Amino acid sequence: MGVYQIVRATAGQRSWTGPTLYAGVLLLLGGMFVFGGFALRRQRQAGAWVSGAAAVLVSALPLHEPAIQSPMGIAMSLAILGLVLANWRHLRRA
């Protein structure tokens, strides 16, 4: 979805606009979740740090516009953080 938003936002434009940057940030966060999930699957602490950082950033992303805050998104981020913290002792150092 992030790639589609970047292509749509840059169609016919020569500069980086707000929607393009927002889509790029979402694409970067998606990549963080993919890497974090892969590293967590291999029981690495680096995956916990990356997944936790991505969850916090996803929760903080809509703070500049309070009208678009999603309670479900915040709940999902808190669930991710809780699961990572609950299983921290099972993770090995990278």
PDB file of N, CA and C in Angstrom:
ATOM      1  N   MET A   1       0.819  -1.189   0.000  1.00  0.00           N
ATOM      2  CA  MET A   1       0.000   0.000   0.000  1.00  0.00           C
ATOM      3  C   MET A   1       0.866   1.257   0.000  1.00  0.00           C
ATOM      4  N   GLY A   2       2.001   1.217   0.704  1.00  0.00           N
ATOM      5  CA  GLY A   2       2.873   2.377   0.767  1.00  0.00           C
ATOM      6  C   GLY A   2       3.452   2.732  -0.588  1.00  0.00           C
ATOM      7  N   VAL A   3       3.814   1.717  -1.382  1.00  0.00           N
ATOM      8  CA  VAL A   3       4.350   1.962  -2.722  1.00  0.00           C
ATOM      9  C   VAL A   3       3.281   2.619  -3.592  1.00  0.00           C
ATOM     10  N   TYR A   4       2.043   2.136  -3.507  1.00  0.00           N
ATOM     11  CA  TYR A   4       0.947   2.726  -4.275  1.00  0.00           C
ATOM     12  C   TYR A   4       0.752   4.189  -3.891  1.00  0.00           C
ATOM     13  N   GLN A   5       0.827   4.497  -2.592  1.00  0.00           N
ATOM     14  CA  GLN A   5       0.650   5.874  -2.151  1.00  0.00           C
ATOM     15  C   GLN A   5       1.786   6.758  -2.641  1.00  0.00           C
ATOM     16  N   ILE A   6       3.012   6.229  -2.664  1.00  0.00           N
ATOM     17  CA  ILE A   6       4.138   7.024  -3.159  1.00  0.00           C
ATOM     18  C   ILE A   6       3.965   7.311  -4.640  1.00  0.00           C
ATOM     19  N   VAL A   7       3.606   6.297  -5.421  1.00  0.00           N
ATOM     20  CA  VAL A   7       3.425   6.491  -6.860  1.00  0.00           C
ATOM     21  C   VAL A   7       2.294   7.481  -7.121  1.00  0.00           C
ATOM     22  N   ARG A   8       1.203   7.338  -6.402  1.00  0.00           N
ATOM     23  CA  ARG A   8       0.057   8.234  -6.597  1.00  0.00           C
ATOM     24  C   ARG A   8       0.397   9.663  -6.187  1.00  0.00           C
ATOM     25  N   ALA A   9       1.150   9.819  -5.076  1.00  0.00           N
ATOM     26  CA  ALA A   9       1.476  11.154  -4.584  1.00  0.00           C
ATOM     27  C   ALA A   9       2.487  11.860  -5.478  1.00  0.00           C
ATOM     28  N   THR A  10       3.351  11.104  -6.150  1.00  0.00           N
ATOM     29  CA  THR A  10       4.382  11.736  -6.974  1.00  0.00           C
ATOM     30  C   THR A  10       3.995  11.847  -8.440  1.00  0.00           C
ATOM     31  N   ALA A  11       2.851  11.331  -8.813  1.00  0.00           N
ATOM     32  CA  ALA A  11       2.437  11.392 -10.224  1.00  0.00           C
ATOM     33  C   ALA A  11       2.250  12.848 -10.648  1.00  0.00           C
ATOM     34  N   GLY A  12       3.042  13.274 -11.603  1.00  0.00           N
ATOM     35  CA  GLY A  12       2.922  14.616 -12.143  1.00  0.00           C
ATOM     36  C   GLY A  12       3.543  15.695 -11.272  1.00  0.00           C
ATOM     37  N   GLN A  13       4.252  15.325 -10.223  1.00  0.00           N
ATOM     38  CA  GLN A  13       4.875  16.316  -9.345  1.00  0.00           C
ATOM     39  C   GLN A  13       6.381  16.109  -9.353  1.00  0.00           C
ATOM     40  N   ARG A  14       7.091  17.194  -9.144  1.00  0.00           N
ATOM     41  CA  ARG A  14       8.544  17.112  -9.178  1.00  0.00           C
ATOM     42  C   ARG A  14       9.182  17.244  -7.794  1.00  0.00           C
ATOM     43  N   SER A  15       8.409  17.575  -6.817  1.00  0.00           N
ATOM     44  CA  SER A  15       8.980  17.765  -5.481  1.00  0.00           C
ATOM     45  C   SER A  15       8.337  16.803  -4.487  1.00  0.00           C
ATOM     46  N   TRP A  16       9.018  16.634  -3.378  1.00  0.00           N
ATOM     47  CA  TRP A  16       8.476  15.797  -2.313  1.00  0.00           C
ATOM     48  C   TRP A  16       7.398  16.586  -1.598  1.00  0.00           C
ATOM     49  N   THR A  17       6.208  16.037  -1.562  1.00  0.00           N
ATOM     50  CA  THR A  17       5.094  16.700  -0.896  1.00  0.00           C
ATOM     51  C   THR A  17       4.767  15.963   0.395  1.00  0.00           C
ATOM     52  N   GLY A  18       3.857  16.511   1.165  1.00  0.00           N
ATOM     53  CA  GLY A  18       3.453  15.899   2.418  1.00  0.00           C
ATOM     54  C   GLY A  18       2.965  14.463   2.266  1.00  0.00           C
ATOM     55  N   PRO A  19       2.033  14.198   1.320  1.00  0.00           N
ATOM     56  CA  PRO A  19       1.569  12.818   1.163  1.00  0.00           C
ATOM     57  C   PRO A  19       2.686  11.853   0.751  1.00  0.00           C
ATOM     58  N   THR A  20       3.636  12.331  -0.036  1.00  0.00           N
ATOM     59  CA  THR A  20       4.748  11.476  -0.455  1.00  0.00           C
ATOM     60  C   THR A  20       5.624  11.118   0.737  1.00  0.00           C
ATOM     61  N   LEU A  21       5.937  12.104   1.564  1.00  0.00           N
ATOM     62  CA  LEU A  21       6.754  11.840   2.740  1.00  0.00           C
ATOM     63  C   LEU A  21       6.027  10.924   3.718  1.00  0.00           C
ATOM     64  N   TYR A  22       4.727  11.141   3.886  1.00  0.00           N
ATOM     65  CA  TYR A  22       3.938  10.307   4.794  1.00  0.00           C
ATOM     66  C   TYR A  22       3.934   8.859   4.300  1.00  0.00           C
ATOM     67  N   ALA A  23       3.750   8.665   3.006  1.00  0.00           N
ATOM     68  CA  ALA A  23       3.763   7.312   2.442  1.00  0.00           C
ATOM     69  C   ALA A  23       5.144   6.688   2.586  1.00  0.00           C
ATOM     70  N   GLY A  24       6.188   7.477   2.422  1.00  0.00           N
ATOM     71  CA  GLY A  24       7.537   6.962   2.598  1.00  0.00           C
ATOM     72  C   GLY A  24       7.807   6.530   4.034  1.00  0.00           C
ATOM     73  N   VAL A  25       7.304   7.300   4.984  1.00  0.00           N
ATOM     74  CA  VAL A  25       7.456   6.929   6.396  1.00  0.00           C
ATOM     75  C   VAL A  25       6.704   5.632   6.682  1.00  0.00           C
ATOM     76  N   LEU A  26       5.501   5.495   6.129  1.00  0.00           N
ATOM     77  CA  LEU A  26       4.740   4.262   6.321  1.00  0.00           C
ATOM     78  C   LEU A  26       5.466   3.067   5.707  1.00  0.00           C
ATOM     79  N   LEU A  27       6.083   3.264   4.562  1.00  0.00           N
ATOM     80  CA  LEU A  27       6.850   2.190   3.927  1.00  0.00           C
ATOM     81  C   LEU A  27       8.054   1.807   4.786  1.00  0.00           C
ATOM     82  N   LEU A  28       8.729   2.799   5.341  1.00  0.00           N
ATOM     83  CA  LEU A  28       9.861   2.537   6.228  1.00  0.00           C
ATOM     84  C   LEU A  28       9.405   1.780   7.476  1.00  0.00           C
ATOM     85  N   LEU A  29       8.285   2.187   8.069  1.00  0.00           N
ATOM     86  CA  LEU A  29       7.774   1.489   9.247  1.00  0.00           C
ATOM     87  C   LEU A  29       7.378   0.056   8.922  1.00  0.00           C
ATOM     88  N   GLY A  30       6.820  -0.156   7.746  1.00  0.00           N
ATOM     89  CA  GLY A  30       6.496  -1.513   7.324  1.00  0.00           C
ATOM     90  C   GLY A  30       7.740  -2.374   7.218  1.00  0.00           C
ATOM     91  N   GLY A  31       8.805  -1.799   6.686  1.00  0.00           N
ATOM     92  CA  GLY A  31      10.075  -2.524   6.613  1.00  0.00           C
ATOM     93  C   GLY A  31      10.631  -2.835   7.983  1.00  0.00           C
ATOM     94  N   MET A  32      10.445  -1.907   8.924  1.00  0.00           N
ATOM     95  CA  MET A  32      10.893  -2.164  10.291  1.00  0.00           C
ATOM     96  C   MET A  32      10.127  -3.330  10.908  1.00  0.00           C
ATOM     97  N   PHE A  33       8.817  -3.381  10.663  1.00  0.00           N
ATOM     98  CA  PHE A  33       8.023  -4.486  11.193  1.00  0.00           C
ATOM     99  C   PHE A  33       8.429  -5.815  10.560  1.00  0.00           C
ATOM    100  N   VAL A  34       8.745  -5.806   9.281  1.00  0.00           N
ATOM    101  CA  VAL A  34       9.167  -7.045   8.610  1.00  0.00           C
ATOM    102  C   VAL A  34      10.491  -7.533   9.200  1.00  0.00           C
ATOM    103  N   PHE A  35      11.465  -6.639   9.313  1.00  0.00           N
ATOM    104  CA  PHE A  35      12.752  -7.026   9.887  1.00  0.00           C
ATOM    105  C   PHE A  35      12.593  -7.456  11.335  1.00  0.00           C
ATOM    106  N   GLY A  36      11.803  -6.694  12.108  1.00  0.00           N
ATOM    107  CA  GLY A  36      11.588  -7.029  13.511  1.00  0.00           C
ATOM    108  C   GLY A  36      10.929  -8.394  13.670  1.00  0.00           C
ATOM    109  N   GLY A  37       9.942  -8.684  12.852  1.00  0.00           N
ATOM    110  CA  GLY A  37       9.282  -9.985  12.915  1.00  0.00           C
ATOM    111  C   GLY A  37      10.221 -11.118  12.548  1.00  0.00           C
ATOM    112  N   PHE A  38      11.041 -10.900  11.534  1.00  0.00           N
ATOM    113  CA  PHE A  38      12.021 -11.923  11.129  1.00  0.00           C
ATOM    114  C   PHE A  38      13.013 -12.186  12.260  1.00  0.00           C
ATOM    115  N   ALA A  39      13.513 -11.108  12.867  1.00  0.00           N
ATOM    116  CA  ALA A  39      14.487 -11.271  13.949  1.00  0.00           C
ATOM    117  C   ALA A  39      13.830 -11.877  15.193  1.00  0.00           C
ATOM    118  N   LEU A  40      12.575 -11.530  15.467  1.00  0.00           N
ATOM    119  CA  LEU A  40      11.881 -12.139  16.597  1.00  0.00           C
ATOM    120  C   LEU A  40      11.665 -13.627  16.367  1.00  0.00           C
ATOM    121  N   ARG A  41      11.388 -13.988  15.133  1.00  0.00           N
ATOM    122  CA  ARG A  41      11.203 -15.403  14.813  1.00  0.00           C
ATOM    123  C   ARG A  41      12.474 -16.193  15.093  1.00  0.00           C
ATOM    124  N   ARG A  42      13.613 -15.535  14.896  1.00  0.00           N
ATOM    125  CA  ARG A  42      14.900 -16.169  15.181  1.00  0.00           C
ATOM    126  C   ARG A  42      15.333 -15.932  16.628  1.00  0.00           C
ATOM    127  N   GLN A  43      14.441 -15.388  17.435  1.00  0.00           N
ATOM    128  CA  GLN A  43      14.650 -15.142  18.865  1.00  0.00           C
ATOM    129  C   GLN A  43      15.837 -14.226  19.122  1.00  0.00           C
ATOM    130  N   ARG A  44      15.877 -13.111  18.441  1.00  0.00           N
ATOM    131  CA  ARG A  44      16.955 -12.131  18.610  1.00  0.00           C
ATOM    132  C   ARG A  44      16.425 -10.883  19.311  1.00  0.00           C
ATOM    133  N   GLN A  45      17.237 -10.330  20.214  1.00  0.00           N
ATOM    134  CA  GLN A  45      16.845  -9.115  20.917  1.00  0.00           C
ATOM    135  C   GLN A  45      16.749  -7.926  19.973  1.00  0.00           C
ATOM    136  N   ALA A  46      17.522  -7.940  18.917  1.00  0.00           N
ATOM    137  CA  ALA A  46      17.453  -6.840  17.954  1.00  0.00           C
ATOM    138  C   ALA A  46      16.046  -6.736  17.370  1.00  0.00           C
ATOM    139  N   GLY A  47      15.407  -7.865  17.141  1.00  0.00           N
ATOM    140  CA  GLY A  47      14.040  -7.864  16.635  1.00  0.00           C
ATOM    141  C   GLY A  47      13.079  -7.231  17.618  1.00  0.00           C
ATOM    142  N   ALA A  48      13.312  -7.467  18.909  1.00  0.00           N
ATOM    143  CA  ALA A  48      12.468  -6.861  19.934  1.00  0.00           C
ATOM    144  C   ALA A  48      12.630  -5.347  19.937  1.00  0.00           C
ATOM    145  N   TRP A  49      13.870  -4.891  19.824  1.00  0.00           N
ATOM    146  CA  TRP A  49      14.105  -3.442  19.815  1.00  0.00           C
ATOM    147  C   TRP A  49      13.486  -2.787  18.580  1.00  0.00           C
ATOM    148  N   VAL A  50      13.674  -3.403  17.426  1.00  0.00           N
ATOM    149  CA  VAL A  50      13.140  -2.825  16.190  1.00  0.00           C
ATOM    150  C   VAL A  50      11.614  -2.855  16.200  1.00  0.00           C
ATOM    151  N   SER A  51      11.023  -3.961  16.621  1.00  0.00           N
ATOM    152  CA  SER A  51       9.565  -4.054  16.679  1.00  0.00           C
ATOM    153  C   SER A  51       8.986  -3.074  17.684  1.00  0.00           C
ATOM    154  N   GLY A  52       9.641  -2.946  18.819  1.00  0.00           N
ATOM    155  CA  GLY A  52       9.185  -1.979  19.818  1.00  0.00           C
ATOM    156  C   GLY A  52       9.265  -0.549  19.316  1.00  0.00           C
ATOM    157  N   ALA A  53      10.372  -0.220  18.648  1.00  0.00           N
ATOM    158  CA  ALA A  53      10.519   1.128  18.094  1.00  0.00           C
ATOM    159  C   ALA A  53       9.467   1.400  17.025  1.00  0.00           C
ATOM    160  N   ALA A  54       9.213   0.414  16.177  1.00  0.00           N
ATOM    161  CA  ALA A  54       8.202   0.589  15.137  1.00  0.00           C
ATOM    162  C   ALA A  54       6.816   0.760  15.744  1.00  0.00           C
ATOM    163  N   ALA A  55       6.505   0.002  16.783  1.00  0.00           N
ATOM    164  CA  ALA A  55       5.194   0.124  17.429  1.00  0.00           C
ATOM    165  C   ALA A  55       5.022   1.499  18.067  1.00  0.00           C
ATOM    166  N   VAL A  56       6.069   2.002  18.699  1.00  0.00           N
ATOM    167  CA  VAL A  56       5.999   3.331  19.308  1.00  0.00           C
ATOM    168  C   VAL A  56       5.844   4.399  18.232  1.00  0.00           C
ATOM    169  N   LEU A  57       6.595   4.281  17.136  1.00  0.00           N
ATOM    170  CA  LEU A  57       6.494   5.267  16.057  1.00  0.00           C
ATOM    171  C   LEU A  57       5.121   5.244  15.389  1.00  0.00           C
ATOM    172  N   VAL A  58       4.560   4.057  15.222  1.00  0.00           N
ATOM    173  CA  VAL A  58       3.220   3.970  14.627  1.00  0.00           C
ATOM    174  C   VAL A  58       2.195   4.621  15.551  1.00  0.00           C
ATOM    175  N   SER A  59       2.366   4.458  16.852  1.00  0.00           N
ATOM    176  CA  SER A  59       1.449   5.091  17.804  1.00  0.00           C
ATOM    177  C   SER A  59       1.618   6.605  17.812  1.00  0.00           C
ATOM    178  N   ALA A  60       2.855   7.067  17.635  1.00  0.00           N
ATOM    179  CA  ALA A  60       3.127   8.500  17.695  1.00  0.00           C
ATOM    180  C   ALA A  60       2.859   9.205  16.372  1.00  0.00           C
ATOM    181  N   LEU A  61       2.746   8.470  15.286  1.00  0.00           N
ATOM    182  CA  LEU A  61       2.576   9.084  13.972  1.00  0.00           C
ATOM    183  C   LEU A  61       1.346   9.990  13.872  1.00  0.00           C
ATOM    184  N   PRO A  62       0.178   9.585  14.366  1.00  0.00           N
ATOM    185  CA  PRO A  62      -0.980  10.460  14.223  1.00  0.00           C
ATOM    186  C   PRO A  62      -1.097  11.533  15.300  1.00  0.00           C
ATOM    187  N   LEU A  63      -0.093  11.723  16.151  1.00  0.00           N
ATOM    188  CA  LEU A  63      -0.202  12.704  17.223  1.00  0.00           C
ATOM    189  C   LEU A  63      -0.276  14.138  16.711  1.00  0.00           C
ATOM    190  N   HIS A  64       0.251  14.385  15.525  1.00  0.00           N
ATOM    191  CA  HIS A  64       0.183  15.741  14.989  1.00  0.00           C
ATOM    192  C   HIS A  64      -1.232  16.097  14.539  1.00  0.00           C
ATOM    193  N   GLU A  65      -2.072  15.111  14.362  1.00  0.00           N
ATOM    194  CA  GLU A  65      -3.466  15.326  13.943  1.00  0.00           C
ATOM    195  C   GLU A  65      -4.363  14.478  14.846  1.00  0.00           C
ATOM    196  N   PRO A  66      -4.812  15.015  15.983  1.00  0.00           N
ATOM    197  CA  PRO A  66      -5.568  14.203  16.945  1.00  0.00           C
ATOM    198  C   PRO A  66      -6.863  13.611  16.384  1.00  0.00           C
ATOM    199  N   ALA A  67      -7.399  14.188  15.341  1.00  0.00           N
ATOM    200  CA  ALA A  67      -8.667  13.694  14.795  1.00  0.00           C
ATOM    201  C   ALA A  67      -8.514  12.326  14.139  1.00  0.00           C
ATOM    202  N   ILE A  68      -7.288  11.939  13.747  1.00  0.00           N
ATOM    203  CA  ILE A  68      -7.120  10.669  13.052  1.00  0.00           C
ATOM    204  C   ILE A  68      -6.516   9.584  13.926  1.00  0.00           C
ATOM    205  N   GLN A  69      -6.427   9.832  15.238  1.00  0.00           N
ATOM    206  CA  GLN A  69      -5.895   8.801  16.121  1.00  0.00           C
ATOM    207  C   GLN A  69      -6.846   7.625  16.153  1.00  0.00           C
ATOM    208  N   SER A  70      -6.289   6.471  16.003  1.00  0.00           N
ATOM    209  CA  SER A  70      -7.083   5.257  15.987  1.00  0.00           C
ATOM    210  C   SER A  70      -6.886   4.499  17.300  1.00  0.00           C
ATOM    211  N   PRO A  71      -7.949   4.325  18.063  1.00  0.00           N
ATOM    212  CA  PRO A  71      -7.808   3.538  19.294  1.00  0.00           C
ATOM    213  C   PRO A  71      -7.362   2.101  19.007  1.00  0.00           C
ATOM    214  N   MET A  72      -7.795   1.556  17.887  1.00  0.00           N
ATOM    215  CA  MET A  72      -7.391   0.192  17.536  1.00  0.00           C
ATOM    216  C   MET A  72      -5.892   0.130  17.248  1.00  0.00           C
ATOM    217  N   GLY A  73      -5.361   1.132  16.552  1.00  0.00           N
ATOM    218  CA  GLY A  73      -3.929   1.167  16.267  1.00  0.00           C
ATOM    219  C   GLY A  73      -3.100   1.277  17.530  1.00  0.00           C
ATOM    220  N   ILE A  74      -3.552   2.100  18.460  1.00  0.00           N
ATOM    221  CA  ILE A  74      -2.836   2.238  19.730  1.00  0.00           C
ATOM    222  C   ILE A  74      -2.922   0.935  20.518  1.00  0.00           C
ATOM    223  N   ALA A  75      -4.085   0.292  20.510  1.00  0.00           N
ATOM    224  CA  ALA A  75      -4.246  -0.981  21.211  1.00  0.00           C
ATOM    225  C   ALA A  75      -3.335  -2.057  20.613  1.00  0.00           C
ATOM    226  N   MET A  76      -3.235  -2.086  19.286  1.00  0.00           N
ATOM    227  CA  MET A  76      -2.363  -3.073  18.636  1.00  0.00           C
ATOM    228  C   MET A  76      -0.894  -2.820  18.984  1.00  0.00           C
ATOM    229  N   SER A  77      -0.487  -1.565  19.004  1.00  0.00           N
ATOM    230  CA  SER A  77       0.896  -1.244  19.357  1.00  0.00           C
ATOM    231  C   SER A  77       1.187  -1.640  20.797  1.00  0.00           C
ATOM    232  N   LEU A  78       0.245  -1.381  21.695  1.00  0.00           N
ATOM    233  CA  LEU A  78       0.436  -1.781  23.088  1.00  0.00           C
ATOM    234  C   LEU A  78       0.490  -3.303  23.216  1.00  0.00           C
ATOM    235  N   ALA A  79      -0.303  -4.008  22.421  1.00  0.00           N
ATOM    236  CA  ALA A  79      -0.268  -5.470  22.441  1.00  0.00           C
ATOM    237  C   ALA A  79       1.083  -5.989  21.960  1.00  0.00           C
ATOM    238  N   ILE A  80       1.616  -5.389  20.896  1.00  0.00           N
ATOM    239  CA  ILE A  80       2.936  -5.789  20.397  1.00  0.00           C
ATOM    240  C   ILE A  80       3.997  -5.564  21.464  1.00  0.00           C
ATOM    241  N   LEU A  81       3.977  -4.382  22.093  1.00  0.00           N
ATOM    242  CA  LEU A  81       4.957  -4.087  23.133  1.00  0.00           C
ATOM    243  C   LEU A  81       4.815  -5.050  24.312  1.00  0.00           C
ATOM    244  N   GLY A  82       3.576  -5.338  24.705  1.00  0.00           N
ATOM    245  CA  GLY A  82       3.356  -6.262  25.811  1.00  0.00           C
ATOM    246  C   GLY A  82       3.867  -7.659  25.520  1.00  0.00           C
ATOM    247  N   LEU A  83       3.610  -8.155  24.312  1.00  0.00           N
ATOM    248  CA  LEU A  83       4.084  -9.490  23.948  1.00  0.00           C
ATOM    249  C   LEU A  83       5.610  -9.553  23.879  1.00  0.00           C
ATOM    250  N   VAL A  84       6.224  -8.507  23.346  1.00  0.00           N
ATOM    251  CA  VAL A  84       7.687  -8.493  23.273  1.00  0.00           C
ATOM    252  C   VAL A  84       8.277  -8.480  24.678  1.00  0.00           C
ATOM    253  N   LEU A  85       7.721  -7.642  25.557  1.00  0.00           N
ATOM    254  CA  LEU A  85       8.238  -7.566  26.924  1.00  0.00           C
ATOM    255  C   LEU A  85       7.988  -8.858  27.702  1.00  0.00           C
ATOM    256  N   ALA A  86       6.835  -9.487  27.481  1.00  0.00           N
ATOM    257  CA  ALA A  86       6.524 -10.728  28.188  1.00  0.00           C
ATOM    258  C   ALA A  86       7.456 -11.864  27.785  1.00  0.00           C
ATOM    259  N   ASN A  87       7.962 -11.835  26.571  1.00  0.00           N
ATOM    260  CA  ASN A  87       8.824 -12.911  26.074  1.00  0.00           C
ATOM    261  C   ASN A  87      10.295 -12.508  26.002  1.00  0.00           C
ATOM    262  N   TRP A  88      10.665 -11.428  26.661  1.00  0.00           N
ATOM    263  CA  TRP A  88      12.028 -10.909  26.571  1.00  0.00           C
ATOM    264  C   TRP A  88      13.057 -11.940  27.021  1.00  0.00           C
ATOM    265  N   ARG A  89      12.776 -12.702  28.049  1.00  0.00           N
ATOM    266  CA  ARG A  89      13.768 -13.645  28.579  1.00  0.00           C
ATOM    267  C   ARG A  89      14.076 -14.782  27.615  1.00  0.00           C
ATOM    268  N   HIS A  90      13.231 -15.005  26.630  1.00  0.00           N
ATOM    269  CA  HIS A  90      13.454 -16.079  25.657  1.00  0.00           C
ATOM    270  C   HIS A  90      14.319 -15.621  24.475  1.00  0.00           C
ATOM    271  N   LEU A  91      14.647 -14.348  24.441  1.00  0.00           N
ATOM    272  CA  LEU A  91      15.410 -13.813  23.310  1.00  0.00           C
ATOM    273  C   LEU A  91      16.895 -13.863  23.599  1.00  0.00           C
ATOM    274  N   ARG A  92      17.666 -14.076  22.536  1.00  0.00           N
ATOM    275  CA  ARG A  92      19.128 -14.114  22.643  1.00  0.00           C
ATOM    276  C   ARG A  92      19.689 -12.819  22.063  1.00  0.00           C
ATOM    277  N   ARG A  93      20.881 -12.490  22.524  1.00  0.00           N
ATOM    278  CA  ARG A  93      21.556 -11.311  21.960  1.00  0.00           C
ATOM    279  C   ARG A  93      21.963 -11.596  20.528  1.00  0.00           C
ATOM    280  N   ALA A  94      21.918 -10.540  19.709  1.00  0.00           N
ATOM    281  CA  ALA A  94      22.258 -10.701  18.294  1.00  0.00           C
ATOM    282  C   ALA A  94      23.755 -10.809  18.099  1.00  0.00           C
TER     283      ALA A  94
END
